[in-house]
Amino acid sequence: MRRRLATILRRLRAAYGPPPAPRRLPPLDELVLTVLSQNTNDVNRDRAYADLRTRFPSWDDVADAPIPAIARAIRRGGLAPTKSVRLRALLRELRERGVPLDERAFAGMRSRRLWDLLVGLGGVGPNTAACVLLFSLGRPFFPVDTHVHRVAIRLGLVPDGANAVRTQELLQAEVPPRETYDLHMQLIRHGREICVARRPFCSRCPLRDVCPRVGVTASR
């Protein structure tokens, strides 16, 4: 498995070049940003995050704000009625647990303890938790979003039918820590540009000779 992962990563690096440097937001900021990213694209996510930061000076202010005010602030990100409830609830839960709602949040916490805390929050799954650990703290946790999940199944890296949670567990166990960020970013780009959801561009794929194309019924 690791040899195959190394081949895939080498091919994707050659095709797409090095990934951008990881963002290094404070962990709580990354948590909020990732929640806002759910079921939307990066542009809308970033707009919603910027609007939220402009409207509320601190995360404590968000935790204390009325739901309609939060929803108005993040409306450009989509699903504002749902995400506003989710954001306020998780911020309040963290505060009740004694976590400061600022740059000191999660300071000094070991990876496994922080992972357990995050996935125990309402609306926070393994992908969101892994994003906080990887992007903010540089710890080798492997996020699995919709693109990574789709590409991993098609490449046969995980069993056909594996859900995103199981895919995260399997890749977390197999991807070498030093390659976690690079492979994650390369798989996302591959999923956006070549291995798209409908009719992937298999004829132009740099992995076409090593890909079983699991679940692909039509391609270009």
Protein backbone atom coordinates (compact mmCIF):
# COMPACT_ATOMS: atom_id res chain seq x y z
CA MET A 1 0.00 0.00 0.00
CA ARG A 2 2.72 2.49 0.95
CA ARG A 3 4.67 1.75 -2.23
CA ARG A 4 1.53 2.40 -4.26
CA LEU A 5 0.87 5.62 -2.37
CA ALA A 6 4.43 6.73 -3.12
CA THR A 7 3.87 6.09 -6.85
CA ILE A 8 0.61 8.02 -6.82
CA LEU A 9 2.14 10.96 -4.99
CA ARG A 10 5.14 11.06 -7.34
CA ARG A 11 2.87 11.10 -10.40
CA LEU A 12 0.60 13.80 -8.98
CA ARG A 13 3.56 15.98 -8.01
CA ALA A 14 4.85 15.73 -11.57
CA ALA A 15 1.42 16.61 -12.95
CA TYR A 16 0.46 19.47 -10.64
CA GLY A 17 3.65 20.71 -9.02
CA PRO A 18 4.10 21.42 -5.32
CA PRO A 19 1.01 22.35 -3.30
CA PRO A 20 0.65 25.82 -1.79
CA ALA A 21 2.08 26.35 1.66
CA PRO A 22 -0.35 25.31 4.40
CA ARG A 23 -2.43 28.01 6.02
CA ARG A 24 -1.64 28.49 9.65
CA LEU A 25 -4.73 29.98 11.24
CA PRO A 26 -5.15 29.59 14.99
CA PRO A 27 -6.88 26.25 15.69
CA LEU A 28 -10.23 27.76 16.69
CA ASP A 29 -10.24 29.94 13.58
CA GLU A 30 -9.50 26.88 11.46
CA LEU A 31 -12.35 25.02 13.14
CA VAL A 32 -14.83 27.78 12.30
CA LEU A 33 -13.49 28.10 8.76
CA THR A 34 -13.83 24.38 8.14
CA VAL A 35 -17.40 24.30 9.46
CA LEU A 36 -18.20 27.13 7.05
CA SER A 37 -16.65 25.11 4.21
CA GLN A 38 -19.15 22.29 4.58
CA ASN A 39 -21.26 21.85 1.42
CA THR A 40 -19.84 24.92 -0.33
CA ASN A 41 -16.78 25.98 -2.30
CA ASP A 42 -13.67 27.76 -1.08
CA VAL A 43 -14.71 31.15 -2.44
CA ASN A 44 -18.04 31.18 -0.60
CA ARG A 45 -16.38 29.79 2.52
CA ASP A 46 -13.83 32.58 2.58
CA ARG A 47 -16.48 35.23 1.99
CA ALA A 48 -18.59 33.93 4.87
CA TYR A 49 -15.58 33.75 7.17
CA ALA A 50 -14.49 37.30 6.34
CA ASP A 51 -18.02 38.61 6.85
CA LEU A 52 -18.28 36.83 10.19
CA ARG A 53 -14.98 38.28 11.41
CA THR A 54 -16.03 41.75 10.30
CA ARG A 55 -19.41 41.53 12.04
CA PHE A 56 -18.19 40.03 15.33
CA PRO A 57 -14.91 41.15 16.94
CA SER A 58 -14.39 37.91 18.88
CA TRP A 59 -15.56 34.30 19.00
CA ASP A 60 -17.13 35.04 22.37
CA ASP A 61 -19.29 37.59 20.58
CA VAL A 62 -20.41 34.90 18.14
CA ALA A 63 -21.19 32.55 21.02
CA ASP A 64 -23.38 35.23 22.62
CA ALA A 65 -25.05 36.49 19.42
CA PRO A 66 -28.62 35.72 18.34
CA ILE A 67 -28.85 33.02 15.69
CA PRO A 68 -30.41 35.35 13.06
CA ALA A 69 -27.47 37.76 13.39
CA ILE A 70 -24.95 34.97 12.83
CA ALA A 71 -26.96 33.67 9.90
CA ARG A 72 -26.99 37.09 8.26
CA ALA A 73 -23.23 37.38 8.69
CA ILE A 74 -22.48 34.06 6.98
CA ARG A 75 -25.24 34.02 4.37
CA ARG A 76 -22.79 34.23 1.45
CA GLY A 77 -21.38 30.84 2.45
CA GLY A 78 -24.67 28.99 1.96
CA LEU A 79 -26.77 26.98 4.43
CA ALA A 80 -26.60 29.89 6.86
CA PRO A 81 -29.60 28.81 9.00
CA THR A 82 -27.98 25.44 9.67
CA LYS A 83 -24.38 26.60 10.06
CA SER A 84 -25.29 29.49 12.37
CA VAL A 85 -26.90 27.10 14.84
CA ARG A 86 -23.95 24.70 14.56
CA LEU A 87 -21.31 27.38 15.05
CA ARG A 88 -22.91 28.97 18.08
CA ALA A 89 -23.53 25.60 19.71
CA LEU A 90 -19.97 24.36 19.31
CA LEU A 91 -18.49 27.65 20.53
CA ARG A 92 -20.72 27.58 23.59
CA GLU A 93 -19.86 23.95 24.27
CA LEU A 94 -16.14 24.67 24.08
CA ARG A 95 -16.52 27.62 26.44
CA GLU A 96 -18.51 25.51 28.90
CA ARG A 97 -15.64 23.02 28.87
CA GLY A 98 -13.21 25.76 29.83
CA VAL A 99 -11.65 26.27 26.39
CA PRO A 100 -10.86 29.97 25.81
CA LEU A 101 -12.42 31.25 22.61
CA ASP A 102 -9.28 32.90 21.28
CA GLU A 103 -5.77 32.00 20.11
CA ARG A 104 -5.16 30.07 23.34
CA ALA A 105 -7.81 27.49 22.39
CA PHE A 106 -6.46 23.93 22.44
CA ALA A 107 -2.98 25.13 23.44
CA GLY A 108 -0.77 22.31 24.64
CA MET A 109 -3.32 19.58 24.00
CA ARG A 110 -1.96 16.28 22.76
CA SER A 111 -3.14 15.18 19.34
CA ARG A 112 -5.35 12.29 20.42
CA ARG A 113 -7.02 14.26 23.20
CA LEU A 114 -7.71 17.15 20.83
CA TRP A 115 -9.03 14.75 18.19
CA ASP A 116 -11.45 13.20 20.68
CA LEU A 117 -12.60 16.63 21.83
CA LEU A 118 -13.24 17.86 18.31
CA VAL A 119 -15.10 14.84 16.96
CA GLY A 120 -17.25 14.91 20.08
CA LEU A 121 -18.62 18.33 19.12
CA GLY A 122 -21.90 18.55 17.27
CA GLY A 123 -21.37 19.08 13.55
CA VAL A 124 -17.67 18.23 13.67
CA GLY A 125 -16.64 15.04 11.91
CA PRO A 126 -13.25 13.47 11.18
CA ASN A 127 -12.58 15.69 8.17
CA THR A 128 -13.08 18.89 10.14
CA ALA A 129 -11.03 17.61 13.08
CA ALA A 130 -8.21 16.51 10.80
CA CYS A 131 -8.18 19.92 9.09
CA VAL A 132 -7.64 21.64 12.45
CA LEU A 133 -4.81 19.30 13.39
CA LEU A 134 -3.11 19.34 9.98
CA PHE A 135 -3.52 22.93 8.79
CA SER A 136 -3.25 24.80 12.08
CA LEU A 137 -0.92 22.60 14.07
CA GLY A 138 1.02 20.75 11.39
CA ARG A 139 0.19 17.37 12.87
CA PRO A 140 -0.10 14.38 10.48
CA PHE A 141 -3.85 13.84 10.43
CA PHE A 142 -5.37 13.09 7.03
CA PRO A 143 -8.54 15.03 6.10
CA VAL A 144 -10.95 13.28 3.77
CA ASP A 145 -13.30 15.63 1.95
CA THR A 146 -15.58 14.70 -0.94
CA HIS A 147 -12.78 14.86 -3.52
CA VAL A 148 -10.32 12.76 -1.53
CA HIS A 149 -13.04 10.24 -0.75
CA ARG A 150 -14.05 9.85 -4.39
CA VAL A 151 -10.47 9.57 -5.69
CA ALA A 152 -9.43 7.11 -2.96
CA ILE A 153 -12.28 4.76 -3.89
CA ARG A 154 -11.63 4.99 -7.63
CA LEU A 155 -7.94 4.30 -7.11
CA GLY A 156 -8.75 1.29 -4.97
CA LEU A 157 -6.96 2.74 -1.95
CA VAL A 158 -9.97 1.88 0.21
CA PRO A 159 -12.74 -0.69 -0.29
CA ASP A 160 -15.58 0.20 -2.61
CA GLY A 161 -18.40 1.43 -0.41
CA ALA A 162 -16.16 2.69 2.40
CA ASN A 163 -17.68 5.81 3.89
CA ALA A 164 -15.66 8.96 4.56
CA VAL A 165 -15.04 8.02 8.19
CA ARG A 166 -13.62 4.63 7.26
CA THR A 167 -11.60 6.15 4.43
CA GLN A 168 -10.05 8.61 6.88
CA GLU A 169 -9.12 5.80 9.26
CA LEU A 170 -7.49 3.73 6.51
CA LEU A 171 -5.51 6.57 4.95
CA GLN A 172 -4.49 7.86 8.37
CA ALA A 173 -2.94 4.47 9.09
CA GLU A 174 -1.11 4.15 5.76
CA VAL A 175 0.08 7.58 4.65
CA PRO A 176 3.59 8.40 5.97
CA PRO A 177 3.38 11.39 8.32
CA ARG A 178 5.81 13.51 6.31
CA GLU A 179 3.64 13.11 3.20
CA THR A 180 0.24 13.73 4.77
CA TYR A 181 -0.19 17.36 3.71
CA ASP A 182 1.25 16.89 0.23
CA LEU A 183 -0.84 13.83 -0.63
CA HIS A 184 -4.01 15.36 0.77
CA MET A 185 -3.60 18.49 -1.33
CA GLN A 186 -2.63 16.56 -4.47
CA LEU A 187 -5.68 14.29 -4.22
CA ILE A 188 -7.94 17.31 -3.84
CA ARG A 189 -6.51 18.96 -6.92
CA HIS A 190 -6.75 15.71 -8.87
CA GLY A 191 -10.37 15.33 -7.84
CA ARG A 192 -11.20 18.85 -8.93
CA GLU A 193 -9.39 18.84 -12.26
CA ILE A 194 -9.33 15.27 -13.61
CA CYS A 195 -11.14 12.76 -11.40
CA VAL A 196 -14.35 14.77 -11.28
CA ALA A 197 -17.58 13.29 -9.99
CA ARG A 198 -19.27 12.79 -13.36
CA ARG A 199 -17.40 11.49 -16.38
CA PRO A 200 -13.82 11.92 -15.17
CA PHE A 201 -11.12 12.78 -17.69
CA CYS A 202 -9.54 9.33 -17.62
CA SER A 203 -7.85 9.84 -21.01
CA ARG A 204 -5.77 12.67 -19.51
CA CYS A 205 -5.17 11.11 -16.11
CA PRO A 206 -1.53 10.71 -14.97
CA LEU A 207 -2.66 7.66 -12.97
CA ARG A 208 -4.64 5.91 -15.70
CA ASP A 209 -2.29 2.89 -15.90
CA VAL A 210 -2.45 2.28 -12.12
CA CYS A 211 -6.11 3.09 -11.53
CA PRO A 212 -8.82 0.38 -11.50
CA ARG A 213 -11.44 3.14 -11.96
CA VAL A 214 -13.71 1.70 -9.28
CA GLY A 215 -17.26 2.91 -9.77
CA VAL A 216 -16.56 4.81 -13.01
CA THR A 217 -19.31 4.08 -15.51
CA ALA A 218 -18.56 6.83 -18.05
CA SER A 219 -15.40 8.81 -18.67
CA ARG A 220 -13.83 11.21 -21.11
